[in-house]
N, C-alpha and C. Protein backbone atom coordinates (compact mmCIF):
# COMPACT_ATOMS: atom_id res chain seq x y z
N MET A 1 18.09 -51.72 0.95
CA MET A 1 17.68 -50.37 0.66
C MET A 1 16.26 -50.41 0.08
N ASN A 2 15.48 -49.46 0.43
CA ASN A 2 14.11 -49.35 -0.05
C ASN A 2 14.12 -49.20 -1.58
N GLU A 3 13.18 -49.89 -2.25
CA GLU A 3 13.13 -49.85 -3.72
C GLU A 3 12.87 -48.45 -4.25
N ALA A 4 12.05 -47.67 -3.57
CA ALA A 4 11.76 -46.31 -4.02
C ALA A 4 13.00 -45.44 -3.95
N VAL A 5 13.78 -45.59 -2.89
CA VAL A 5 15.01 -44.81 -2.74
C VAL A 5 16.02 -45.22 -3.80
N LEU A 6 16.13 -46.53 -4.04
CA LEU A 6 17.05 -47.02 -5.06
C LEU A 6 16.65 -46.52 -6.45
N SER A 7 15.38 -46.53 -6.76
CA SER A 7 14.88 -46.03 -8.04
C SER A 7 15.15 -44.54 -8.18
N LEU A 8 14.92 -43.77 -7.11
CA LEU A 8 15.20 -42.34 -7.13
C LEU A 8 16.68 -42.08 -7.37
N CYS A 9 17.54 -42.81 -6.68
CA CYS A 9 18.99 -42.63 -6.86
C CYS A 9 19.42 -42.96 -8.29
N CYS A 10 18.86 -44.02 -8.86
CA CYS A 10 19.18 -44.38 -10.25
C CYS A 10 18.71 -43.29 -11.21
N SER A 11 17.52 -42.77 -10.99
CA SER A 11 16.99 -41.72 -11.85
C SER A 11 17.85 -40.47 -11.78
N LEU A 12 18.26 -40.09 -10.58
CA LEU A 12 19.11 -38.92 -10.42
C LEU A 12 20.49 -39.15 -11.02
N GLY A 13 20.98 -40.39 -10.94
CA GLY A 13 22.26 -40.74 -11.56
C GLY A 13 22.20 -40.61 -13.08
N VAL A 14 21.10 -41.07 -13.68
CA VAL A 14 20.92 -40.93 -15.13
C VAL A 14 20.85 -39.45 -15.49
N LEU A 15 20.12 -38.67 -14.69
CA LEU A 15 20.03 -37.24 -14.94
C LEU A 15 21.40 -36.57 -14.88
N LEU A 16 22.23 -36.97 -13.95
CA LEU A 16 23.58 -36.43 -13.84
C LEU A 16 24.40 -36.75 -15.09
N VAL A 17 24.31 -38.00 -15.57
CA VAL A 17 25.03 -38.40 -16.79
C VAL A 17 24.54 -37.59 -17.99
N VAL A 18 23.22 -37.43 -18.10
CA VAL A 18 22.64 -36.65 -19.19
C VAL A 18 23.12 -35.20 -19.13
N SER A 19 23.10 -34.63 -17.95
CA SER A 19 23.52 -33.24 -17.77
C SER A 19 24.99 -33.06 -18.14
N LEU A 20 25.83 -33.95 -17.68
CA LEU A 20 27.26 -33.87 -18.00
C LEU A 20 27.49 -34.07 -19.49
N GLY A 21 26.78 -35.02 -20.08
CA GLY A 21 26.91 -35.26 -21.52
C GLY A 21 26.52 -34.04 -22.33
N TYR A 22 25.43 -33.39 -21.93
CA TYR A 22 24.98 -32.21 -22.67
C TYR A 22 25.93 -31.03 -22.47
N SER A 23 26.44 -30.89 -21.26
CA SER A 23 27.28 -29.73 -20.94
C SER A 23 28.71 -29.85 -21.45
N CYS A 24 29.23 -31.07 -21.51
CA CYS A 24 30.65 -31.26 -21.82
C CYS A 24 30.94 -31.56 -23.28
N ILE A 25 29.93 -31.93 -24.06
CA ILE A 25 30.16 -32.30 -25.45
C ILE A 25 29.70 -31.16 -26.35
N LYS A 26 30.56 -30.79 -27.28
CA LYS A 26 30.23 -29.70 -28.20
C LYS A 26 29.31 -30.23 -29.31
N PRO A 27 28.21 -29.53 -29.58
CA PRO A 27 27.28 -29.98 -30.63
C PRO A 27 27.92 -29.99 -32.01
N ASN A 28 27.54 -30.98 -32.83
CA ASN A 28 28.07 -31.04 -34.18
C ASN A 28 26.97 -30.96 -35.24
N GLY A 29 25.75 -30.71 -34.84
CA GLY A 29 24.66 -30.57 -35.80
C GLY A 29 24.03 -31.86 -36.23
N GLY A 30 24.50 -32.98 -35.71
CA GLY A 30 23.89 -34.27 -36.01
C GLY A 30 24.08 -34.73 -37.44
N GLN A 31 25.11 -34.28 -38.11
CA GLN A 31 25.29 -34.59 -39.53
C GLN A 31 26.00 -35.92 -39.79
N CYS A 32 26.67 -36.46 -38.81
CA CYS A 32 27.42 -37.72 -39.01
C CYS A 32 26.52 -38.91 -38.74
N ILE A 33 26.19 -39.65 -39.77
CA ILE A 33 25.29 -40.80 -39.65
C ILE A 33 25.88 -41.90 -38.77
N LYS A 34 27.21 -42.01 -38.76
CA LYS A 34 27.86 -43.04 -37.94
C LYS A 34 27.56 -42.83 -36.45
N ILE A 35 27.53 -41.58 -36.03
CA ILE A 35 27.24 -41.29 -34.62
C ILE A 35 25.82 -41.73 -34.28
N HIS A 36 24.88 -41.49 -35.18
CA HIS A 36 23.49 -41.92 -34.96
C HIS A 36 23.41 -43.44 -34.87
N LEU A 37 24.12 -44.13 -35.74
CA LEU A 37 24.10 -45.59 -35.73
C LEU A 37 24.71 -46.15 -34.44
N VAL A 38 25.83 -45.59 -34.02
CA VAL A 38 26.46 -46.02 -32.77
C VAL A 38 25.55 -45.73 -31.59
N TYR A 39 24.92 -44.56 -31.59
CA TYR A 39 24.02 -44.19 -30.50
C TYR A 39 22.88 -45.19 -30.39
N PHE A 40 22.20 -45.47 -31.52
CA PHE A 40 21.05 -46.37 -31.47
C PHE A 40 21.47 -47.81 -31.21
N ALA A 41 22.63 -48.24 -31.73
CA ALA A 41 23.11 -49.59 -31.43
C ALA A 41 23.41 -49.72 -29.93
N SER A 42 24.02 -48.71 -29.36
CA SER A 42 24.31 -48.73 -27.92
C SER A 42 23.02 -48.73 -27.10
N ALA A 43 22.05 -47.92 -27.53
CA ALA A 43 20.78 -47.85 -26.82
C ALA A 43 20.05 -49.19 -26.87
N ILE A 44 20.01 -49.80 -28.04
CA ILE A 44 19.34 -51.10 -28.19
C ILE A 44 20.01 -52.15 -27.32
N CYS A 45 21.34 -52.16 -27.31
CA CYS A 45 22.07 -53.12 -26.48
C CYS A 45 21.79 -52.90 -24.99
N LEU A 46 21.80 -51.66 -24.55
CA LEU A 46 21.52 -51.38 -23.14
C LEU A 46 20.10 -51.77 -22.75
N VAL A 47 19.14 -51.42 -23.58
CA VAL A 47 17.74 -51.74 -23.26
C VAL A 47 17.52 -53.25 -23.29
N ALA A 48 18.11 -53.91 -24.28
CA ALA A 48 17.87 -55.34 -24.45
C ALA A 48 18.66 -56.21 -23.46
N PHE A 49 19.88 -55.80 -23.14
CA PHE A 49 20.75 -56.70 -22.39
C PHE A 49 21.04 -56.27 -20.95
N LEU A 50 20.55 -55.11 -20.54
CA LEU A 50 20.71 -54.73 -19.14
C LEU A 50 19.86 -55.68 -18.30
N PRO A 51 20.43 -56.30 -17.29
CA PRO A 51 19.65 -57.25 -16.49
C PRO A 51 18.38 -56.60 -15.93
N THR A 52 17.31 -57.37 -15.91
CA THR A 52 16.00 -56.88 -15.49
C THR A 52 16.03 -56.31 -14.08
N ASN A 53 16.78 -56.95 -13.19
CA ASN A 53 16.82 -56.46 -11.81
C ASN A 53 17.53 -55.11 -11.68
N ILE A 54 18.27 -54.70 -12.70
CA ILE A 54 18.87 -53.35 -12.73
C ILE A 54 17.98 -52.41 -13.55
N ALA A 55 17.50 -52.90 -14.69
CA ALA A 55 16.70 -52.08 -15.60
C ALA A 55 15.43 -51.55 -14.94
N LYS A 56 14.85 -52.34 -14.03
CA LYS A 56 13.61 -51.89 -13.39
C LYS A 56 13.81 -50.66 -12.51
N TYR A 57 15.06 -50.39 -12.12
CA TYR A 57 15.35 -49.20 -11.33
C TYR A 57 15.83 -48.03 -12.20
N VAL A 58 16.40 -48.34 -13.35
CA VAL A 58 16.94 -47.31 -14.22
C VAL A 58 15.89 -46.79 -15.20
N PHE A 59 15.15 -47.69 -15.84
CA PHE A 59 14.16 -47.31 -16.84
C PHE A 59 12.79 -47.18 -16.17
N THR A 60 12.57 -46.04 -15.54
CA THR A 60 11.32 -45.80 -14.83
C THR A 60 10.64 -44.55 -15.40
N GLU A 61 9.39 -44.37 -15.00
CA GLU A 61 8.67 -43.15 -15.42
C GLU A 61 9.37 -41.90 -14.91
N LEU A 62 9.93 -41.98 -13.70
CA LEU A 62 10.64 -40.83 -13.14
C LEU A 62 11.85 -40.48 -14.00
N THR A 63 12.63 -41.47 -14.40
CA THR A 63 13.80 -41.22 -15.23
C THR A 63 13.40 -40.59 -16.55
N VAL A 64 12.37 -41.14 -17.19
CA VAL A 64 11.90 -40.60 -18.46
C VAL A 64 11.40 -39.16 -18.27
N SER A 65 10.71 -38.89 -17.18
CA SER A 65 10.23 -37.53 -16.92
C SER A 65 11.38 -36.56 -16.68
N LEU A 66 12.40 -37.00 -15.95
CA LEU A 66 13.55 -36.13 -15.69
C LEU A 66 14.31 -35.83 -16.98
N VAL A 67 14.57 -36.86 -17.77
CA VAL A 67 15.36 -36.70 -18.99
C VAL A 67 14.53 -36.09 -20.12
N GLY A 68 13.26 -36.45 -20.20
CA GLY A 68 12.42 -35.99 -21.30
C GLY A 68 11.71 -34.69 -21.06
N ALA A 69 11.55 -34.30 -19.78
CA ALA A 69 10.79 -33.07 -19.50
C ALA A 69 11.54 -32.10 -18.58
N MET A 70 11.92 -32.54 -17.41
CA MET A 70 12.48 -31.61 -16.43
C MET A 70 13.80 -30.99 -16.88
N TYR A 71 14.74 -31.80 -17.36
CA TYR A 71 16.01 -31.24 -17.82
C TYR A 71 15.81 -30.35 -19.05
N PRO A 72 15.00 -30.77 -20.03
CA PRO A 72 14.73 -29.86 -21.15
C PRO A 72 14.03 -28.57 -20.73
N VAL A 73 13.16 -28.60 -19.73
CA VAL A 73 12.54 -27.36 -19.25
C VAL A 73 13.64 -26.44 -18.71
N TYR A 74 14.55 -26.98 -17.95
CA TYR A 74 15.66 -26.19 -17.41
C TYR A 74 16.50 -25.58 -18.53
N ARG A 75 16.88 -26.43 -19.52
CA ARG A 75 17.71 -25.93 -20.62
C ARG A 75 16.96 -24.91 -21.48
N ALA A 76 15.68 -25.15 -21.73
CA ALA A 76 14.89 -24.23 -22.53
C ALA A 76 14.73 -22.88 -21.82
N THR A 77 14.55 -22.92 -20.51
CA THR A 77 14.44 -21.69 -19.73
C THR A 77 15.74 -20.90 -19.80
N ARG A 78 16.87 -21.59 -19.67
CA ARG A 78 18.16 -20.91 -19.81
C ARG A 78 18.33 -20.34 -21.20
N ALA A 79 17.88 -21.07 -22.22
CA ALA A 79 18.01 -20.60 -23.60
C ALA A 79 17.19 -19.34 -23.84
N VAL A 80 15.99 -19.30 -23.29
CA VAL A 80 15.12 -18.13 -23.47
C VAL A 80 15.72 -16.90 -22.78
N CYS A 81 16.46 -17.13 -21.73
CA CYS A 81 17.03 -16.01 -20.96
C CYS A 81 18.34 -15.49 -21.54
N THR A 82 18.79 -16.03 -22.67
CA THR A 82 20.00 -15.54 -23.32
C THR A 82 19.62 -14.75 -24.57
N PRO A 83 20.47 -13.83 -25.00
CA PRO A 83 20.14 -13.04 -26.20
C PRO A 83 20.26 -13.84 -27.51
N ASP A 84 20.94 -14.99 -27.47
CA ASP A 84 21.14 -15.80 -28.68
C ASP A 84 19.84 -16.49 -29.08
N ASP A 85 19.45 -16.38 -30.34
CA ASP A 85 18.21 -17.01 -30.81
C ASP A 85 18.40 -18.46 -31.25
N ASP A 86 19.65 -18.88 -31.53
CA ASP A 86 19.87 -20.24 -32.00
C ASP A 86 19.49 -21.27 -30.96
N ASP A 87 19.81 -21.03 -29.69
CA ASP A 87 19.45 -21.99 -28.66
C ASP A 87 17.94 -22.02 -28.43
N ASP A 88 17.26 -20.89 -28.64
CA ASP A 88 15.80 -20.88 -28.53
C ASP A 88 15.20 -21.80 -29.60
N LYS A 89 15.73 -21.70 -30.81
CA LYS A 89 15.23 -22.52 -31.92
C LYS A 89 15.48 -24.01 -31.65
N GLU A 90 16.66 -24.31 -31.10
CA GLU A 90 17.00 -25.70 -30.78
C GLU A 90 15.98 -26.31 -29.84
N TRP A 91 15.60 -25.58 -28.80
CA TRP A 91 14.67 -26.12 -27.81
C TRP A 91 13.23 -26.09 -28.30
N LEU A 92 12.90 -25.17 -29.18
CA LEU A 92 11.57 -25.19 -29.79
C LEU A 92 11.41 -26.43 -30.67
N GLN A 93 12.46 -26.76 -31.40
CA GLN A 93 12.43 -27.99 -32.21
C GLN A 93 12.28 -29.21 -31.31
N TYR A 94 12.98 -29.22 -30.18
CA TYR A 94 12.85 -30.34 -29.24
C TYR A 94 11.41 -30.46 -28.75
N TRP A 95 10.81 -29.35 -28.33
CA TRP A 95 9.48 -29.42 -27.74
C TRP A 95 8.40 -29.79 -28.75
N MET A 96 8.61 -29.47 -30.03
CA MET A 96 7.65 -29.93 -31.04
C MET A 96 7.61 -31.45 -31.07
N LEU A 97 8.76 -32.08 -31.08
CA LEU A 97 8.82 -33.55 -31.12
C LEU A 97 8.54 -34.16 -29.75
N GLY A 98 9.02 -33.50 -28.70
CA GLY A 98 8.77 -34.00 -27.35
C GLY A 98 7.29 -34.06 -27.03
N GLY A 99 6.55 -33.05 -27.47
CA GLY A 99 5.11 -33.05 -27.24
C GLY A 99 4.42 -34.22 -27.91
N VAL A 100 4.83 -34.52 -29.13
CA VAL A 100 4.26 -35.68 -29.84
C VAL A 100 4.61 -36.96 -29.11
N LEU A 101 5.86 -37.08 -28.66
CA LEU A 101 6.27 -38.28 -27.93
C LEU A 101 5.50 -38.44 -26.63
N PHE A 102 5.28 -37.34 -25.92
CA PHE A 102 4.51 -37.43 -24.68
C PHE A 102 3.07 -37.84 -24.95
N MET A 103 2.49 -37.39 -26.05
CA MET A 103 1.12 -37.81 -26.40
C MET A 103 1.09 -39.31 -26.70
N ILE A 104 2.07 -39.79 -27.46
CA ILE A 104 2.15 -41.22 -27.78
C ILE A 104 2.36 -42.02 -26.51
N THR A 105 3.19 -41.51 -25.62
CA THR A 105 3.47 -42.20 -24.36
C THR A 105 2.21 -42.41 -23.52
N THR A 106 1.37 -41.41 -23.50
CA THR A 106 0.13 -41.52 -22.73
C THR A 106 -0.71 -42.70 -23.23
N TRP A 107 -0.80 -42.84 -24.53
CA TRP A 107 -1.58 -43.94 -25.10
C TRP A 107 -0.89 -45.28 -24.87
N VAL A 108 0.42 -45.36 -25.14
CA VAL A 108 1.15 -46.62 -25.01
C VAL A 108 1.17 -47.09 -23.56
N ASP A 109 1.30 -46.17 -22.61
CA ASP A 109 1.30 -46.56 -21.20
C ASP A 109 0.00 -47.25 -20.80
N ASP A 110 -1.11 -46.84 -21.40
CA ASP A 110 -2.39 -47.50 -21.12
C ASP A 110 -2.46 -48.89 -21.72
N VAL A 111 -1.80 -49.08 -22.86
CA VAL A 111 -1.84 -50.36 -23.55
C VAL A 111 -0.86 -51.36 -22.93
N ILE A 112 0.33 -50.90 -22.59
CA ILE A 112 1.38 -51.78 -22.05
C ILE A 112 1.34 -51.75 -20.53
N LYS A 113 1.07 -52.88 -19.94
CA LYS A 113 1.08 -52.96 -18.48
C LYS A 113 1.99 -54.07 -17.95
N GLN A 114 2.60 -54.85 -18.85
CA GLN A 114 3.49 -55.91 -18.40
C GLN A 114 4.83 -55.30 -18.00
N ASN A 115 5.38 -55.76 -16.90
CA ASN A 115 6.62 -55.16 -16.38
C ASN A 115 7.79 -55.29 -17.36
N SER A 116 7.96 -56.46 -18.00
CA SER A 116 9.11 -56.62 -18.90
C SER A 116 8.97 -55.74 -20.13
N VAL A 117 7.77 -55.66 -20.68
CA VAL A 117 7.55 -54.82 -21.85
C VAL A 117 7.61 -53.35 -21.45
N ASP A 118 7.08 -53.01 -20.28
CA ASP A 118 7.09 -51.64 -19.80
C ASP A 118 8.53 -51.14 -19.63
N THR A 119 9.40 -51.98 -19.11
CA THR A 119 10.80 -51.60 -18.93
C THR A 119 11.46 -51.34 -20.27
N ILE A 120 11.19 -52.18 -21.25
CA ILE A 120 11.75 -52.00 -22.59
C ILE A 120 11.22 -50.71 -23.21
N TRP A 121 9.90 -50.45 -23.05
CA TRP A 121 9.30 -49.23 -23.58
C TRP A 121 9.92 -47.99 -22.94
N LEU A 122 10.04 -47.99 -21.62
CA LEU A 122 10.59 -46.83 -20.92
C LEU A 122 12.06 -46.61 -21.28
N GLY A 123 12.82 -47.70 -21.41
CA GLY A 123 14.22 -47.57 -21.82
C GLY A 123 14.34 -47.00 -23.22
N SER A 124 13.50 -47.47 -24.12
CA SER A 124 13.52 -46.96 -25.50
C SER A 124 13.14 -45.49 -25.52
N LEU A 125 12.12 -45.14 -24.78
CA LEU A 125 11.66 -43.76 -24.72
C LEU A 125 12.73 -42.84 -24.14
N LEU A 126 13.42 -43.31 -23.11
CA LEU A 126 14.50 -42.55 -22.51
C LEU A 126 15.57 -42.20 -23.54
N PHE A 127 15.99 -43.20 -24.32
CA PHE A 127 17.03 -42.96 -25.32
C PHE A 127 16.52 -42.10 -26.48
N ILE A 128 15.26 -42.21 -26.82
CA ILE A 128 14.70 -41.35 -27.88
C ILE A 128 14.69 -39.90 -27.44
N PHE A 129 14.22 -39.65 -26.22
CA PHE A 129 14.21 -38.28 -25.72
C PHE A 129 15.63 -37.70 -25.69
N TYR A 130 16.57 -38.48 -25.20
CA TYR A 130 17.94 -37.97 -25.12
C TYR A 130 18.54 -37.78 -26.51
N TRP A 131 18.19 -38.65 -27.45
CA TRP A 131 18.68 -38.52 -28.83
C TRP A 131 18.25 -37.17 -29.41
N LEU A 132 17.09 -36.70 -29.04
CA LEU A 132 16.59 -35.44 -29.59
C LEU A 132 17.48 -34.25 -29.25
N TYR A 133 18.14 -34.26 -28.08
CA TYR A 133 18.98 -33.12 -27.72
C TYR A 133 20.43 -33.46 -27.40
N PHE A 134 20.83 -34.71 -27.53
CA PHE A 134 22.22 -35.10 -27.31
C PHE A 134 23.09 -34.33 -28.31
N PRO A 135 24.14 -33.65 -27.85
CA PRO A 135 24.92 -32.76 -28.72
C PRO A 135 25.52 -33.42 -29.96
N LEU A 136 25.83 -34.71 -29.90
CA LEU A 136 26.42 -35.36 -31.07
C LEU A 136 25.38 -35.82 -32.08
N THR A 137 24.14 -35.97 -31.65
CA THR A 137 23.11 -36.43 -32.58
C THR A 137 22.17 -35.30 -33.00
N CYS A 138 21.85 -34.39 -32.09
CA CYS A 138 20.93 -33.27 -32.39
C CYS A 138 19.71 -33.78 -33.15
N GLY A 139 19.07 -34.80 -32.60
CA GLY A 139 17.96 -35.45 -33.28
C GLY A 139 16.82 -34.53 -33.66
N ALA A 140 16.49 -33.60 -32.79
CA ALA A 140 15.40 -32.66 -33.10
C ALA A 140 15.75 -31.81 -34.31
N LEU A 141 16.98 -31.39 -34.42
CA LEU A 141 17.43 -30.62 -35.58
C LEU A 141 17.38 -31.46 -36.85
N VAL A 142 17.82 -32.71 -36.74
CA VAL A 142 17.81 -33.61 -37.90
C VAL A 142 16.38 -33.81 -38.39
N VAL A 143 15.45 -34.09 -37.47
CA VAL A 143 14.05 -34.29 -37.86
C VAL A 143 13.49 -33.00 -38.46
N TYR A 144 13.84 -31.87 -37.88
CA TYR A 144 13.36 -30.59 -38.41
C TYR A 144 13.86 -30.38 -39.84
N GLU A 145 15.16 -30.59 -40.07
CA GLU A 145 15.73 -30.34 -41.39
C GLU A 145 15.29 -31.35 -42.43
N LYS A 146 15.08 -32.61 -42.02
CA LYS A 146 14.75 -33.67 -42.99
C LYS A 146 13.25 -33.88 -43.18
N VAL A 147 12.44 -33.52 -42.19
CA VAL A 147 10.99 -33.80 -42.27
C VAL A 147 10.15 -32.54 -42.13
N THR A 148 10.30 -31.85 -41.01
CA THR A 148 9.42 -30.73 -40.70
C THR A 148 9.53 -29.61 -41.72
N ALA A 149 10.73 -29.10 -41.94
CA ALA A 149 10.89 -27.96 -42.85
C ALA A 149 10.52 -28.28 -44.29
N PRO A 150 10.99 -29.40 -44.87
CA PRO A 150 10.67 -29.63 -46.28
C PRO A 150 9.22 -30.09 -46.54
N TYR A 151 8.63 -30.84 -45.61
CA TYR A 151 7.30 -31.41 -45.88
C TYR A 151 6.15 -30.67 -45.18
N LEU A 152 6.37 -30.25 -43.95
CA LEU A 152 5.30 -29.54 -43.24
C LEU A 152 5.37 -28.03 -43.42
N GLY A 153 6.59 -27.49 -43.50
CA GLY A 153 6.77 -26.05 -43.62
C GLY A 153 6.02 -25.43 -44.78
N PRO A 154 6.13 -25.97 -45.99
CA PRO A 154 5.41 -25.36 -47.12
C PRO A 154 3.88 -25.42 -47.00
N LYS A 155 3.37 -26.34 -46.22
CA LYS A 155 1.92 -26.49 -46.09
C LYS A 155 1.34 -25.62 -44.98
N LEU A 156 2.20 -25.02 -44.16
CA LEU A 156 1.71 -24.20 -43.06
C LEU A 156 1.59 -22.75 -43.43
């Protein structure tokens, strides 16, 4: 099978898993620290121990773009089109952090050009983006409540 087709299929498969995870799991506000620890331990294990010949198809720029930008654009658009303001706030919090991550990514992508390091970087970035809106972690909300609101809010 062509490598581009295989990479596309893997990226779409990851997007399907992300979509199902977001749609089927009820959000808990990210208050349980154990869930965050399990999430990051699982992410580290997957990024570190997934065989390179598989990781190079799963942890790609396309996958990161789908999980970090395209799916959140879809969810944010749906949120804006509903009368509920809570989902609007959730996605605004995501985009504040997502924008910073995308800026950092632009710089790091220029610095890192080795395939093995690039795969680790993309895998890490994929899990960070998903952590921000995964219903059990609600990372963007956690960062907002612990950092943005108490430290940046009073200065703005």
